[in-house]
N, C-alpha and C. Protein backbone atom coordinates (compact mmCIF):
# COMPACT_ATOMS: atom_id res chain seq x y z
N MET A 1 21.53 -4.85 -35.44
CA MET A 1 20.37 -4.95 -36.57
C MET A 1 19.77 -6.46 -36.26
N ASN A 2 20.54 -7.14 -35.86
CA ASN A 2 19.58 -8.68 -35.38
C ASN A 2 19.15 -8.49 -33.88
N ARG A 3 17.83 -8.92 -34.15
CA ARG A 3 17.27 -8.72 -33.22
C ARG A 3 16.68 -10.39 -32.53
N PRO A 4 16.52 -10.45 -31.37
CA PRO A 4 16.28 -11.51 -31.02
C PRO A 4 14.90 -12.19 -31.35
N GLU A 5 14.76 -13.35 -31.87
CA GLU A 5 13.62 -13.96 -32.28
C GLU A 5 12.16 -13.82 -31.23
N GLU A 6 11.41 -13.14 -31.56
CA GLU A 6 10.37 -13.38 -30.52
C GLU A 6 9.03 -14.46 -31.05
N PRO A 7 8.83 -15.37 -29.81
CA PRO A 7 7.80 -16.30 -30.32
C PRO A 7 6.88 -15.56 -30.88
N PHE A 8 6.23 -16.50 -32.12
CA PHE A 8 4.87 -15.97 -32.78
C PHE A 8 3.92 -16.31 -31.97
N GLU A 9 3.16 -14.90 -31.69
CA GLU A 9 1.81 -15.50 -30.98
C GLU A 9 0.70 -15.53 -31.97
N ALA A 10 -0.06 -16.30 -31.98
CA ALA A 10 -1.13 -16.20 -32.83
C ALA A 10 -2.02 -15.49 -32.27
N SER A 11 -2.26 -14.12 -33.09
CA SER A 11 -3.49 -13.35 -32.62
C SER A 11 -4.63 -13.14 -33.38
N TYR A 12 -5.02 -14.77 -34.35
CA TYR A 12 -5.90 -15.11 -35.25
C TYR A 12 -7.00 -15.73 -34.05
N SER A 13 -8.22 -15.66 -33.95
CA SER A 13 -9.30 -16.16 -33.41
C SER A 13 -9.82 -16.71 -34.61
N VAL A 14 -10.28 -17.99 -34.21
CA VAL A 14 -11.39 -18.80 -34.89
C VAL A 14 -12.65 -18.11 -34.98
N PRO A 15 -13.57 -17.41 -35.88
CA PRO A 15 -14.93 -16.62 -36.14
C PRO A 15 -16.10 -17.75 -35.06
N ASN A 16 -16.57 -16.96 -34.49
CA ASN A 16 -17.86 -17.62 -34.07
C ASN A 16 -18.58 -18.67 -34.94
N ALA A 17 -18.82 -18.25 -36.36
CA ALA A 17 -19.60 -18.73 -37.20
C ALA A 17 -18.80 -19.99 -37.77
N VAL A 18 -17.83 -19.91 -37.97
CA VAL A 18 -16.62 -21.12 -38.23
C VAL A 18 -16.55 -21.95 -37.12
N ARG A 19 -17.05 -21.38 -35.73
CA ARG A 19 -16.63 -22.73 -34.79
C ARG A 19 -17.95 -23.40 -34.59
N ARG A 20 -19.13 -22.50 -34.74
CA ARG A 20 -20.38 -23.20 -34.84
C ARG A 20 -20.54 -23.92 -36.01
N ARG A 21 -19.76 -23.77 -36.90
CA ARG A 21 -20.11 -24.74 -38.54
C ARG A 21 -19.58 -26.11 -37.68
N LEU A 22 -18.38 -25.97 -37.13
CA LEU A 22 -17.37 -27.06 -36.93
C LEU A 22 -17.97 -28.31 -36.33
N ASN A 23 -18.44 -27.40 -35.03
CA ASN A 23 -19.33 -27.89 -33.83
C ASN A 23 -20.43 -28.78 -34.40
N LEU A 24 -21.21 -28.35 -35.54
CA LEU A 24 -22.55 -28.89 -36.60
C LEU A 24 -22.00 -30.18 -37.07
N SER A 25 -20.73 -30.32 -37.70
CA SER A 25 -20.28 -30.78 -38.56
C SER A 25 -20.61 -32.76 -38.22
N GLY A 26 -20.95 -33.71 -39.07
CA GLY A 26 -21.47 -34.82 -38.76
C GLY A 26 -22.60 -34.97 -38.10
N LYS A 27 -22.99 -33.84 -37.62
CA LYS A 27 -24.46 -34.62 -36.40
C LYS A 27 -25.85 -34.30 -37.61
N ALA A 28 -26.81 -35.54 -37.40
CA ALA A 28 -27.68 -35.86 -37.55
C ALA A 28 -28.72 -34.56 -37.56
N LEU A 29 -29.39 -34.54 -38.90
CA LEU A 29 -30.28 -33.50 -39.19
C LEU A 29 -31.91 -33.88 -38.41
N THR A 30 -32.35 -32.85 -37.82
CA THR A 30 -33.58 -32.72 -36.88
C THR A 30 -34.45 -33.13 -37.89
N CYS A 31 -35.49 -33.22 -36.82
CA CYS A 31 -37.20 -33.45 -37.82
C CYS A 31 -37.48 -32.17 -38.62
N SER A 32 -37.40 -30.71 -37.90
CA SER A 32 -37.62 -29.65 -38.23
C SER A 32 -36.58 -29.37 -40.02
N GLU A 33 -35.15 -29.94 -39.06
CA GLU A 33 -34.20 -29.56 -40.46
C GLU A 33 -34.97 -30.05 -41.59
N LEU A 34 -34.93 -31.53 -41.30
CA LEU A 34 -35.10 -32.40 -42.84
C LEU A 34 -36.69 -31.69 -43.49
N GLU A 35 -37.51 -31.43 -42.67
CA GLU A 35 -38.63 -30.93 -43.23
C GLU A 35 -38.32 -29.47 -44.00
N ILE A 36 -37.40 -28.82 -43.44
CA ILE A 36 -37.20 -26.95 -44.09
C ILE A 36 -36.39 -27.52 -45.06
N LEU A 37 -35.44 -28.52 -45.25
CA LEU A 37 -34.74 -28.91 -46.20
C LEU A 37 -35.67 -29.62 -47.50
N ARG A 38 -36.62 -30.12 -47.60
CA ARG A 38 -37.66 -30.68 -48.12
C ARG A 38 -38.23 -29.51 -48.69
N TRP A 39 -38.73 -28.48 -48.31
CA TRP A 39 -39.31 -27.43 -48.46
C TRP A 39 -38.35 -27.05 -49.70
N ALA A 40 -37.63 -26.54 -49.11
CA ALA A 40 -36.36 -25.61 -49.69
C ALA A 40 -36.19 -26.67 -51.07
N SER A 41 -35.96 -27.89 -51.19
CA SER A 41 -35.92 -28.48 -52.15
C SER A 41 -36.82 -28.68 -53.52
N GLU A 42 -37.97 -28.32 -52.84
CA GLU A 42 -39.40 -27.95 -53.80
C GLU A 42 -39.19 -26.42 -54.60
N GLY A 43 -38.07 -26.17 -54.29
CA GLY A 43 -37.88 -24.33 -54.43
C GLY A 43 -38.68 -23.03 -53.47
N LYS A 44 -39.04 -23.61 -52.62
CA LYS A 44 -39.49 -22.64 -51.68
C LYS A 44 -38.72 -21.54 -51.01
N THR A 45 -38.94 -20.16 -51.00
CA THR A 45 -38.63 -19.28 -50.79
C THR A 45 -38.57 -19.14 -49.18
N VAL A 46 -37.50 -18.58 -48.21
CA VAL A 46 -37.37 -18.69 -46.32
C VAL A 46 -38.79 -18.17 -46.22
N TRP A 47 -39.53 -17.03 -46.78
CA TRP A 47 -40.51 -16.59 -46.48
C TRP A 47 -41.84 -17.91 -46.87
N GLU A 48 -41.82 -18.10 -47.79
CA GLU A 48 -42.72 -19.42 -47.89
C GLU A 48 -42.66 -20.60 -46.94
N ILE A 49 -41.10 -20.89 -46.73
CA ILE A 49 -41.02 -21.76 -45.92
C ILE A 49 -42.03 -21.55 -44.45
N SER A 50 -41.29 -20.22 -43.77
CA SER A 50 -41.92 -19.70 -42.88
C SER A 50 -43.35 -19.58 -42.71
N GLN A 51 -43.78 -19.37 -43.64
CA GLN A 51 -45.69 -19.48 -43.69
C GLN A 51 -46.05 -20.63 -43.68
N ILE A 52 -45.76 -21.63 -44.34
CA ILE A 52 -45.77 -22.88 -44.28
C ILE A 52 -45.80 -23.62 -42.72
N ARG A 53 -44.89 -23.29 -42.28
CA ARG A 53 -45.03 -23.58 -41.00
C ARG A 53 -44.97 -22.93 -39.59
N ALA A 54 -45.64 -21.85 -39.71
CA ALA A 54 -46.11 -20.98 -38.92
C ALA A 54 -44.68 -20.72 -38.06
N THR A 55 -43.77 -20.21 -38.97
CA THR A 55 -42.45 -19.45 -37.99
C THR A 55 -42.26 -18.24 -38.46
N SER A 56 -41.27 -17.60 -37.57
CA SER A 56 -40.50 -16.46 -38.44
C SER A 56 -39.67 -17.10 -39.78
N GLU A 57 -39.38 -15.89 -40.11
CA GLU A 57 -38.05 -15.84 -41.21
C GLU A 57 -36.65 -16.21 -40.65
N ALA A 58 -36.66 -15.72 -39.60
CA ALA A 58 -35.31 -15.88 -38.80
C ALA A 58 -35.20 -17.35 -38.36
N THR A 59 -36.06 -17.82 -37.98
CA THR A 59 -36.28 -19.28 -37.37
C THR A 59 -35.75 -20.45 -38.48
N VAL A 60 -36.31 -19.97 -39.77
CA VAL A 60 -36.04 -21.03 -40.93
C VAL A 60 -34.72 -20.48 -41.62
N LYS A 61 -34.30 -19.60 -41.17
CA LYS A 61 -32.92 -19.09 -41.58
C LYS A 61 -31.70 -19.65 -40.88
N PHE A 62 -32.15 -19.99 -39.11
CA PHE A 62 -31.42 -20.27 -38.18
C PHE A 62 -31.28 -21.81 -38.70
N HIS A 63 -32.35 -22.25 -39.12
CA HIS A 63 -32.09 -24.18 -39.47
C HIS A 63 -31.60 -24.29 -40.65
N LEU A 64 -31.68 -23.38 -41.38
CA LEU A 64 -30.81 -23.57 -42.75
C LEU A 64 -29.28 -23.62 -42.54
N ARG A 65 -29.08 -22.72 -41.64
CA ARG A 65 -27.60 -22.51 -41.43
C ARG A 65 -27.21 -23.96 -40.75
N ASN A 66 -28.18 -24.29 -40.17
CA ASN A 66 -27.79 -25.46 -39.42
C ASN A 66 -27.88 -26.49 -40.17
N ILE A 67 -28.20 -26.92 -40.86
CA ILE A 67 -28.41 -27.39 -42.03
C ILE A 67 -26.77 -27.37 -43.08
N TYR A 68 -26.39 -26.19 -43.37
CA TYR A 68 -25.52 -26.20 -44.17
C TYR A 68 -24.13 -26.71 -42.89
N GLY A 69 -24.02 -26.20 -41.95
CA GLY A 69 -22.98 -26.54 -41.17
C GLY A 69 -23.32 -28.28 -41.06
N LYS A 70 -23.88 -28.90 -40.60
CA LYS A 70 -24.62 -30.48 -40.55
C LYS A 70 -23.92 -30.81 -42.04
N LEU A 71 -24.14 -30.45 -42.93
CA LEU A 71 -24.20 -31.03 -44.44
C LEU A 71 -22.56 -30.63 -44.78
N GLN A 72 -21.85 -29.38 -44.15
CA GLN A 72 -20.61 -29.04 -44.40
C GLN A 72 -20.97 -28.49 -45.82
N VAL A 73 -21.83 -27.73 -45.87
CA VAL A 73 -21.94 -26.95 -47.55
C VAL A 73 -21.59 -25.79 -47.23
N ASN A 74 -22.19 -25.02 -48.46
CA ASN A 74 -22.00 -23.23 -48.09
C ASN A 74 -23.38 -22.79 -48.57
N ASN A 75 -24.46 -23.22 -49.18
CA ASN A 75 -25.46 -22.86 -49.71
C ASN A 75 -26.69 -23.99 -50.31
N ARG A 76 -28.02 -23.73 -50.65
CA ARG A 76 -28.98 -24.32 -51.08
C ARG A 76 -28.68 -25.56 -51.55
N VAL A 77 -27.92 -25.06 -53.06
CA VAL A 77 -27.73 -25.81 -53.84
C VAL A 77 -26.80 -26.85 -53.59
N GLN A 78 -26.16 -26.72 -52.65
CA GLN A 78 -25.09 -27.81 -52.36
C GLN A 78 -25.64 -28.51 -51.18
N ALA A 79 -26.41 -28.21 -50.47
CA ALA A 79 -27.16 -28.79 -49.20
C ALA A 79 -28.18 -29.74 -50.14
N MET A 80 -28.78 -29.63 -51.44
CA MET A 80 -29.71 -30.23 -52.14
C MET A 80 -29.13 -31.30 -52.41
N ASN A 81 -27.73 -30.91 -53.15
CA ASN A 81 -27.15 -31.84 -53.75
C ASN A 81 -26.61 -32.77 -52.47
N GLU A 82 -25.91 -32.77 -51.89
CA GLU A 82 -25.59 -33.43 -50.35
C GLU A 82 -26.52 -34.16 -50.13
N ALA A 83 -27.72 -33.38 -49.65
CA ALA A 83 -28.47 -34.71 -49.12
C ALA A 83 -29.21 -35.44 -50.25
N ALA A 84 -29.41 -35.23 -51.46
CA ALA A 84 -29.56 -36.13 -52.50
C ALA A 84 -29.00 -37.26 -52.30
N ARG A 85 -27.55 -37.04 -52.41
CA ARG A 85 -26.45 -38.10 -52.46
C ARG A 85 -26.39 -38.84 -50.92
N ARG A 86 -26.96 -38.02 -49.87
CA ARG A 86 -27.25 -39.10 -48.61
C ARG A 86 -28.28 -39.62 -48.50
N GLY A 87 -29.51 -39.51 -49.62
CA GLY A 87 -30.17 -40.13 -49.61
C GLY A 87 -31.52 -39.39 -48.68
N LEU A 88 -31.54 -38.10 -48.22
CA LEU A 88 -31.97 -37.67 -47.19
C LEU A 88 -33.34 -36.87 -47.73
N CYS A 89 -33.39 -36.75 -48.94
CA CYS A 89 -34.56 -36.27 -49.57
C CYS A 89 -34.57 -36.45 -51.29
């Protein structure tokens, strides 16, 4: 009944989204990201920001994801709080 112990193989791999977020952690925000963060802090929606910046909604969402990764947060409210704490906006 006793089987020899098999070495544990980690079959779990880190999801790409987590890997990207870890790579962004601690990096400075770009000018575009700071602008989007400021518009978001004024309550603008993704659509409104895309219209203001004359870009697609996907581009705004891309920048927001990068902002979240760089600030190590999960959503806009946390991003605003962290940005205020760091004196970014």
